């Protein structure tokens, strides 16, 4: 997988690994603005943004993690699963290369990249400690929730591409399954990692204590997720 961005700390070894996953028809380079915003808050993180391995069905120079041509409920799961397998291998290689483990790894995905991130943590619980999913969804409603990964769902309330109902349904399902998840909805925002959602992502990364941490401290089962937040 070709890297469009590999940004390491100015000094010292990286302490966190953030993998930025672009949307369909985009590229790793399209995640540069988001990488810069996060770099200001996490100066000791390594930021990597790969180009998806496949050419975009729509032509041009864009890339895609899986084909969206003729995609529907009958083939979405299989297409996403086929993309997850090589991505998992690349994640493990990258973690080993940079000397950073799963707990220090975060997937930051937008749209199709968010789908890939969410489904990868179902395929391998704990491959990353956090998922920041902008404008994403699950390939199908989850039947189980990760126990070693915290899911942060961030969505525009006016998203016409992947509607906010998908985020609400995912949050409800994860909560019912005693997963560790948060949701932030920005009303009036469309299909984009809008600055207000990026701000919420930073807040979640800095302030949310994973339920598994509470459970370990209290010697109890995982806690239910808290209420959703909506931003005007």
C-alpha atoms as a PDB file:
ATOM      1  CA  UNK A   1       0.000   0.000   0.000  1.00  0.00           C
ATOM      2  CA  UNK A   2       1.479   3.332  -1.055  1.00  0.00           C
ATOM      3  CA  UNK A   3       1.781   6.059   1.571  1.00  0.00           C
ATOM      4  CA  UNK A   4       0.713   9.563   0.588  1.00  0.00           C
ATOM      5  CA  UNK A   5       1.513  10.948   4.048  1.00  0.00           C
ATOM      6  CA  UNK A   6       3.962   9.777   6.680  1.00  0.00           C
ATOM      7  CA  UNK A   7       4.436  12.513   9.250  1.00  0.00           C
ATOM      8  CA  UNK A   8       6.534  11.735  12.303  1.00  0.00           C
ATOM      9  CA  UNK A   9       7.159  13.885  15.401  1.00  0.00           C
ATOM     10  CA  UNK A  10       9.679  16.682  14.996  1.00  0.00           C
ATOM     11  CA  UNK A  11      11.737  15.240  17.844  1.00  0.00           C
ATOM     12  CA  UNK A  12      11.659  11.995  19.756  1.00  0.00           C
ATOM     13  CA  UNK A  13       9.988   8.696  19.042  1.00  0.00           C
ATOM     14  CA  UNK A  14       6.278   8.564  18.189  1.00  0.00           C
ATOM     15  CA  UNK A  15       3.973   7.755  21.078  1.00  0.00           C
ATOM     16  CA  UNK A  16       0.761   7.241  19.107  1.00  0.00           C
ATOM     17  CA  UNK A  17      -0.028   5.955  15.628  1.00  0.00           C
ATOM     18  CA  UNK A  18      -2.897   7.553  13.726  1.00  0.00           C
ATOM     19  CA  UNK A  19      -3.874   5.951  10.427  1.00  0.00           C
ATOM     20  CA  UNK A  20      -5.950   8.278   8.249  1.00  0.00           C
ATOM     21  CA  UNK A  21      -8.237   6.512   5.772  1.00  0.00           C
ATOM     22  CA  UNK A  22      -9.723   8.507   2.908  1.00  0.00           C
ATOM     23  CA  UNK A  23     -13.126   8.254   1.292  1.00  0.00           C
ATOM     24  CA  UNK A  24     -14.074   6.730  -2.058  1.00  0.00           C
ATOM     25  CA  UNK A  25     -12.591   8.582  -4.996  1.00  0.00           C
ATOM     26  CA  UNK A  26     -10.080  10.352  -2.762  1.00  0.00           C
ATOM     27  CA  UNK A  27      -6.481   9.677  -1.838  1.00  0.00           C
ATOM     28  CA  UNK A  28      -4.238   9.717   1.174  1.00  0.00           C
ATOM     29  CA  UNK A  29      -3.231  13.254   0.285  1.00  0.00           C
ATOM     30  CA  UNK A  30      -6.843  14.381   0.749  1.00  0.00           C
ATOM     31  CA  UNK A  31      -6.415  13.718   4.478  1.00  0.00           C
ATOM     32  CA  UNK A  32      -3.622  16.307   4.820  1.00  0.00           C
ATOM     33  CA  UNK A  33      -5.775  19.038   6.365  1.00  0.00           C
ATOM     34  CA  UNK A  34      -7.130  16.618   8.947  1.00  0.00           C
ATOM     35  CA  UNK A  35      -3.623  15.350   9.685  1.00  0.00           C
ATOM     36  CA  UNK A  36      -2.416  18.914  10.249  1.00  0.00           C
ATOM     37  CA  UNK A  37      -5.308  19.677  12.591  1.00  0.00           C
ATOM     38  CA  UNK A  38      -4.619  16.564  14.651  1.00  0.00           C
ATOM     39  CA  UNK A  39      -0.856  17.178  14.623  1.00  0.00           C
ATOM     40  CA  UNK A  40      -1.418  20.424  16.529  1.00  0.00           C
ATOM     41  CA  UNK A  41      -3.120  18.475  19.318  1.00  0.00           C
ATOM     42  CA  UNK A  42      -0.971  15.340  19.260  1.00  0.00           C
ATOM     43  CA  UNK A  43       2.586  16.445  18.418  1.00  0.00           C
ATOM     44  CA  UNK A  44       4.137  13.102  19.370  1.00  0.00           C
ATOM     45  CA  UNK A  45       1.898  11.037  17.109  1.00  0.00           C
ATOM     46  CA  UNK A  46       2.881   9.425  13.820  1.00  0.00           C
ATOM     47  CA  UNK A  47       0.348  10.214  11.084  1.00  0.00           C
ATOM     48  CA  UNK A  48       0.120   7.887   8.098  1.00  0.00           C
ATOM     49  CA  UNK A  49      -2.343   8.233   5.224  1.00  0.00           C
ATOM     50  CA  UNK A  50      -2.183   5.458   2.630  1.00  0.00           C
ATOM     51  CA  UNK A  51      -3.737   5.460  -0.805  1.00  0.00           C
ATOM     52  CA  UNK A  52      -6.392   2.774  -1.126  1.00  0.00           C
ATOM     53  CA  UNK A  53      -5.104  -0.102  -3.268  1.00  0.00           C
ATOM     54  CA  UNK A  54      -7.747   0.090  -6.011  1.00  0.00           C
ATOM     55  CA  UNK A  55      -8.479   2.644  -8.713  1.00  0.00           C
ATOM     56  CA  UNK A  56     -11.767   4.496  -8.328  1.00  0.00           C
ATOM     57  CA  UNK A  57     -14.591   3.097 -10.456  1.00  0.00           C
ATOM     58  CA  UNK A  58     -15.537   6.637 -11.413  1.00  0.00           C
ATOM     59  CA  UNK A  59     -12.233   7.254 -13.177  1.00  0.00           C
ATOM     60  CA  UNK A  60      -9.602   9.906 -12.671  1.00  0.00           C
ATOM     61  CA  UNK A  61      -6.767   9.543 -10.186  1.00  0.00           C
ATOM     62  CA  UNK A  62      -8.957   8.666  -7.207  1.00  0.00           C
ATOM     63  CA  UNK A  63      -8.698   5.462  -5.199  1.00  0.00           C
ATOM     64  CA  UNK A  64     -11.147   3.182  -3.421  1.00  0.00           C
ATOM     65  CA  UNK A  65     -10.955   0.548  -0.711  1.00  0.00           C
ATOM     66  CA  UNK A  66     -13.731  -1.442  -2.370  1.00  0.00           C
ATOM     67  CA  UNK A  67     -15.888  -1.003  -5.440  1.00  0.00           C
ATOM     68  CA  UNK A  68     -19.162   0.874  -5.119  1.00  0.00           C
ATOM     69  CA  UNK A  69     -20.361   0.032  -8.631  1.00  0.00           C
ATOM     70  CA  UNK A  70     -23.694  -1.718  -8.247  1.00  0.00           C
ATOM     71  CA  UNK A  71     -23.216  -2.052  -4.517  1.00  0.00           C
ATOM     72  CA  UNK A  72     -26.211  -3.087  -2.436  1.00  0.00           C
ATOM     73  CA  UNK A  73     -27.307  -5.095   0.554  1.00  0.00           C
ATOM     74  CA  UNK A  74     -26.592  -8.359  -1.262  1.00  0.00           C
ATOM     75  CA  UNK A  75     -22.890  -7.669  -1.917  1.00  0.00           C
ATOM     76  CA  UNK A  76     -21.745  -4.907   0.453  1.00  0.00           C
ATOM     77  CA  UNK A  77     -20.599  -7.233   3.237  1.00  0.00           C
ATOM     78  CA  UNK A  78     -18.468  -9.386   0.939  1.00  0.00           C
ATOM     79  CA  UNK A  79     -16.848  -6.383  -0.729  1.00  0.00           C
ATOM     80  CA  UNK A  80     -15.935  -4.764   2.559  1.00  0.00           C
ATOM     81  CA  UNK A  81     -14.617  -8.045   3.973  1.00  0.00           C
ATOM     82  CA  UNK A  82     -12.325  -8.435   0.968  1.00  0.00           C
ATOM     83  CA  UNK A  83     -10.870  -4.988   1.684  1.00  0.00           C
ATOM     84  CA  UNK A  84     -10.444  -5.653   5.401  1.00  0.00           C
ATOM     85  CA  UNK A  85      -8.095  -8.639   5.050  1.00  0.00           C
ATOM     86  CA  UNK A  86      -5.160  -6.869   3.318  1.00  0.00           C
ATOM     87  CA  UNK A  87      -5.686  -3.754   5.408  1.00  0.00           C
ATOM     88  CA  UNK A  88      -5.287  -5.767   8.617  1.00  0.00           C
ATOM     89  CA  UNK A  89      -1.990  -7.169   7.372  1.00  0.00           C
ATOM     90  CA  UNK A  90      -0.736  -3.691   6.511  1.00  0.00           C
ATOM     91  CA  UNK A  91      -1.734  -2.364   9.950  1.00  0.00           C
ATOM     92  CA  UNK A  92       0.238  -5.098  11.714  1.00  0.00           C
ATOM     93  CA  UNK A  93       3.291  -4.454   9.527  1.00  0.00           C
ATOM     94  CA  UNK A  94       3.072  -0.730  10.196  1.00  0.00           C
ATOM     95  CA  UNK A  95       2.718  -1.181  13.946  1.00  0.00           C
ATOM     96  CA  UNK A  96       5.749  -3.455  13.974  1.00  0.00           C
ATOM     97  CA  UNK A  97       7.790  -1.082  11.810  1.00  0.00           C
ATOM     98  CA  UNK A  98       7.116   1.917  14.043  1.00  0.00           C
ATOM     99  CA  UNK A  99       7.232   0.008  17.313  1.00  0.00           C
ATOM    100  CA  UNK A 100       3.726   1.015  18.371  1.00  0.00           C
ATOM    101  CA  UNK A 101       1.124  -1.433  19.606  1.00  0.00           C
ATOM    102  CA  UNK A 102      -2.635  -1.647  19.064  1.00  0.00           C
ATOM    103  CA  UNK A 103      -3.520   0.293  22.211  1.00  0.00           C
ATOM    104  CA  UNK A 104      -1.563   3.292  20.877  1.00  0.00           C
ATOM    105  CA  UNK A 105      -3.148   3.029  17.422  1.00  0.00           C
ATOM    106  CA  UNK A 106      -6.157   4.991  16.195  1.00  0.00           C
ATOM    107  CA  UNK A 107      -7.991   4.596  12.894  1.00  0.00           C
ATOM    108  CA  UNK A 108      -9.274   7.942  11.630  1.00  0.00           C
ATOM    109  CA  UNK A 109     -11.557   7.251   8.690  1.00  0.00           C
ATOM    110  CA  UNK A 110     -13.800   9.332   6.481  1.00  0.00           C
ATOM    111  CA  UNK A 111     -16.765   7.855   4.566  1.00  0.00           C
ATOM    112  CA  UNK A 112     -15.526   4.634   2.923  1.00  0.00           C
ATOM    113  CA  UNK A 113     -12.414   4.857   5.092  1.00  0.00           C
ATOM    114  CA  UNK A 114     -14.643   4.973   8.165  1.00  0.00           C
ATOM    115  CA  UNK A 115     -16.502   1.877   6.937  1.00  0.00           C
ATOM    116  CA  UNK A 116     -13.165   0.077   6.571  1.00  0.00           C
ATOM    117  CA  UNK A 117     -12.100   1.155  10.062  1.00  0.00           C
ATOM    118  CA  UNK A 118     -15.340   0.067  11.717  1.00  0.00           C
ATOM    119  CA  UNK A 119     -15.429  -3.304  10.001  1.00  0.00           C
ATOM    120  CA  UNK A 120     -11.752  -3.992  10.665  1.00  0.00           C
ATOM    121  CA  UNK A 121     -12.271  -3.665  14.412  1.00  0.00           C
ATOM    122  CA  UNK A 122     -15.124  -6.168  14.185  1.00  0.00           C
ATOM    123  CA  UNK A 123     -12.898  -8.590  12.278  1.00  0.00           C
ATOM    124  CA  UNK A 124     -10.084  -8.176  14.825  1.00  0.00           C
ATOM    125  CA  UNK A 125     -11.050  -6.750  18.172  1.00  0.00           C
ATOM    126  CA  UNK A 126      -8.260  -4.642  19.618  1.00  0.00           C
ATOM    127  CA  UNK A 127      -6.268  -4.098  16.414  1.00  0.00           C
ATOM    128  CA  UNK A 128      -6.631  -0.417  17.324  1.00  0.00           C
ATOM    129  CA  UNK A 129      -7.473   1.247  20.598  1.00  0.00           C
ATOM    130  CA  UNK A 130      -9.726   3.875  18.989  1.00  0.00           C
ATOM    131  CA  UNK A 131     -11.744   4.446  15.842  1.00  0.00           C
ATOM    132  CA  UNK A 132     -12.684   7.963  14.761  1.00  0.00           C
ATOM    133  CA  UNK A 133     -15.396   7.412  12.146  1.00  0.00           C
ATOM    134  CA  UNK A 134     -16.426  10.505  10.192  1.00  0.00           C
ATOM    135  CA  UNK A 135     -19.539  10.073   8.035  1.00  0.00           C
ATOM    136  CA  UNK A 136     -19.339   6.279   8.073  1.00  0.00           C
ATOM    137  CA  UNK A 137     -21.464   3.214   8.671  1.00  0.00           C
ATOM    138  CA  UNK A 138     -21.215  -0.532   9.205  1.00  0.00           C
ATOM    139  CA  UNK A 139     -21.613  -2.808   6.213  1.00  0.00           C
ATOM    140  CA  UNK A 140     -24.479  -4.358   8.171  1.00  0.00           C
ATOM    141  CA  UNK A 141     -25.745  -3.759  11.708  1.00  0.00           C
ATOM    142  CA  UNK A 142     -23.157  -5.180  14.120  1.00  0.00           C
ATOM    143  CA  UNK A 143     -24.079  -8.386  15.938  1.00  0.00           C
ATOM    144  CA  UNK A 144     -21.258  -7.951  18.435  1.00  0.00           C
ATOM    145  CA  UNK A 145     -19.261  -5.044  19.798  1.00  0.00           C
ATOM    146  CA  UNK A 146     -15.486  -4.747  20.152  1.00  0.00           C
ATOM    147  CA  UNK A 147     -14.278  -5.106  23.709  1.00  0.00           C
ATOM    148  CA  UNK A 148     -10.784  -3.661  23.206  1.00  0.00           C
ATOM    149  CA  UNK A 149     -11.618  -0.812  20.829  1.00  0.00           C
ATOM    150  CA  UNK A 150     -13.497   2.414  21.540  1.00  0.00           C
ATOM    151  CA  UNK A 151     -15.697   3.661  18.690  1.00  0.00           C
ATOM    152  CA  UNK A 152     -16.262   7.398  18.186  1.00  0.00           C
ATOM    153  CA  UNK A 153     -18.986   8.145  15.619  1.00  0.00           C
ATOM    154  CA  UNK A 154     -19.039  11.664  14.144  1.00  0.00           C
ATOM    155  CA  UNK A 155     -21.639  12.603  11.578  1.00  0.00           C
ATOM    156  CA  UNK A 156     -23.265  15.525   9.832  1.00  0.00           C
ATOM    157  CA  UNK A 157     -26.976  15.764  10.499  1.00  0.00           C
ATOM    158  CA  UNK A 158     -27.586  16.806   6.886  1.00  0.00           C
ATOM    159  CA  UNK A 159     -25.350  14.162   5.278  1.00  0.00           C
ATOM    160  CA  UNK A 160     -26.993  13.175   1.963  1.00  0.00           C
ATOM    161  CA  UNK A 161     -24.516  10.386   1.104  1.00  0.00           C
ATOM    162  CA  UNK A 162     -24.479   8.270   4.269  1.00  0.00           C
ATOM    163  CA  UNK A 163     -27.388   9.518   6.302  1.00  0.00           C
ATOM    164  CA  UNK A 164     -27.105  10.189  10.009  1.00  0.00           C
ATOM    165  CA  UNK A 165     -29.571   7.365  10.663  1.00  0.00           C
ATOM    166  CA  UNK A 166     -26.698   4.940  10.078  1.00  0.00           C
ATOM    167  CA  UNK A 167     -24.663   6.566  12.846  1.00  0.00           C
ATOM    168  CA  UNK A 168     -27.606   6.561  15.239  1.00  0.00           C
ATOM    169  CA  UNK A 169     -28.343   2.902  14.487  1.00  0.00           C
ATOM    170  CA  UNK A 170     -24.698   1.941  14.982  1.00  0.00           C
ATOM    171  CA  UNK A 171     -24.503   3.760  18.303  1.00  0.00           C
ATOM    172  CA  UNK A 172     -27.721   2.119  19.518  1.00  0.00           C
ATOM    173  CA  UNK A 173     -26.515  -1.336  18.480  1.00  0.00           C
ATOM    174  CA  UNK A 174     -23.098  -0.931  20.094  1.00  0.00           C
ATOM    175  CA  UNK A 175     -24.662   0.407  23.267  1.00  0.00           C
ATOM    176  CA  UNK A 176     -27.105  -2.511  23.431  1.00  0.00           C
ATOM    177  CA  UNK A 177     -24.172  -4.899  22.996  1.00  0.00           C
ATOM    178  CA  UNK A 178     -22.300  -3.164  25.842  1.00  0.00           C
ATOM    179  CA  UNK A 179     -19.692  -1.777  23.498  1.00  0.00           C
ATOM    180  CA  UNK A 180     -17.738   1.393  24.187  1.00  0.00           C
ATOM    181  CA  UNK A 181     -19.007   4.059  21.798  1.00  0.00           C
ATOM    182  CA  UNK A 182     -19.752   7.766  21.572  1.00  0.00           C
ATOM    183  CA  UNK A 183     -21.662   9.768  18.984  1.00  0.00           C
ATOM    184  CA  UNK A 184     -21.485  13.414  17.975  1.00  0.00           C
ATOM    185  CA  UNK A 185     -23.893  14.874  15.418  1.00  0.00           C
ATOM    186  CA  UNK A 186     -23.415  18.309  13.869  1.00  0.00           C
ATOM    187  CA  UNK A 187     -26.769  19.587  12.647  1.00  0.00           C
ATOM    188  CA  UNK A 188     -26.709  21.257   9.233  1.00  0.00           C
ATOM    189  CA  UNK A 189     -23.393  19.633   8.300  1.00  0.00           C
ATOM    190  CA  UNK A 190     -23.139  17.418   5.233  1.00  0.00           C
ATOM    191  CA  UNK A 191     -20.788  14.646   4.150  1.00  0.00           C
ATOM    192  CA  UNK A 192     -17.436  15.951   5.384  1.00  0.00           C
ATOM    193  CA  UNK A 193     -15.045  15.943   8.345  1.00  0.00           C
ATOM    194  CA  UNK A 194     -16.295  19.395   9.280  1.00  0.00           C
ATOM    195  CA  UNK A 195     -14.139  21.459  11.683  1.00  0.00           C
ATOM    196  CA  UNK A 196     -16.781  21.212  14.419  1.00  0.00           C
ATOM    197  CA  UNK A 197     -16.630  17.418  14.152  1.00  0.00           C
ATOM    198  CA  UNK A 198     -12.840  17.448  14.131  1.00  0.00           C
ATOM    199  CA  UNK A 199     -12.983  19.499  17.324  1.00  0.00           C
ATOM    200  CA  UNK A 200     -15.261  16.879  18.877  1.00  0.00           C
ATOM    201  CA  UNK A 201     -12.936  14.101  17.737  1.00  0.00           C
ATOM    202  CA  UNK A 202     -10.042  15.788  19.523  1.00  0.00           C
ATOM    203  CA  UNK A 203     -12.202  16.190  22.615  1.00  0.00           C
ATOM    204  CA  UNK A 204     -13.110  12.490  22.567  1.00  0.00           C
ATOM    205  CA  UNK A 205      -9.509  11.393  22.075  1.00  0.00           C
ATOM    206  CA  UNK A 206      -8.312  13.557  24.946  1.00  0.00           C
ATOM    207  CA  UNK A 207     -11.151  13.147  27.427  1.00  0.00           C
ATOM    208  CA  UNK A 208     -12.990   9.876  26.892  1.00  0.00           C
ATOM    209  CA  UNK A 209     -11.837   7.174  29.305  1.00  0.00           C
ATOM    210  CA  UNK A 210     -12.456   3.797  27.636  1.00  0.00           C
ATOM    211  CA  UNK A 211     -15.051   1.624  29.330  1.00  0.00           C
ATOM    212  CA  UNK A 212     -12.527  -1.221  29.523  1.00  0.00           C
ATOM    213  CA  UNK A 213     -10.307   1.023  31.656  1.00  0.00           C
ATOM    214  CA  UNK A 214     -13.159   1.703  34.051  1.00  0.00           C
ATOM    215  CA  UNK A 215     -14.059  -1.988  34.099  1.00  0.00           C
ATOM    216  CA  UNK A 216     -10.502  -3.005  34.940  1.00  0.00           C
ATOM    217  CA  UNK A 217     -10.324  -0.435  37.717  1.00  0.00           C
ATOM    218  CA  UNK A 218     -13.676  -1.436  39.186  1.00  0.00           C
ATOM    219  CA  UNK A 219     -13.404  -5.159  38.503  1.00  0.00           C
ATOM    220  CA  UNK A 220     -16.749  -5.067  36.715  1.00  0.00           C
ATOM    221  CA  UNK A 221     -18.293  -5.684  33.318  1.00  0.00           C
ATOM    222  CA  UNK A 222     -17.995  -3.011  30.589  1.00  0.00           C
ATOM    223  CA  UNK A 223     -20.126   0.044  31.173  1.00  0.00           C
ATOM    224  CA  UNK A 224     -22.857   1.212  28.840  1.00  0.00           C
ATOM    225  CA  UNK A 225     -21.999   4.167  26.626  1.00  0.00           C
ATOM    226  CA  UNK A 226     -23.196   7.635  27.546  1.00  0.00           C
ATOM    227  CA  UNK A 227     -25.742   9.769  25.755  1.00  0.00           C
ATOM    228  CA  UNK A 228     -25.122  11.189  22.338  1.00  0.00           C
ATOM    229  CA  UNK A 229     -24.079  14.791  21.757  1.00  0.00           C
ATOM    230  CA  UNK A 230     -25.536  17.060  19.104  1.00  0.00           C
ATOM    231  CA  UNK A 231     -23.847  20.265  17.984  1.00  0.00           C
ATOM    232  CA  UNK A 232     -25.668  23.143  16.326  1.00  0.00           C
END
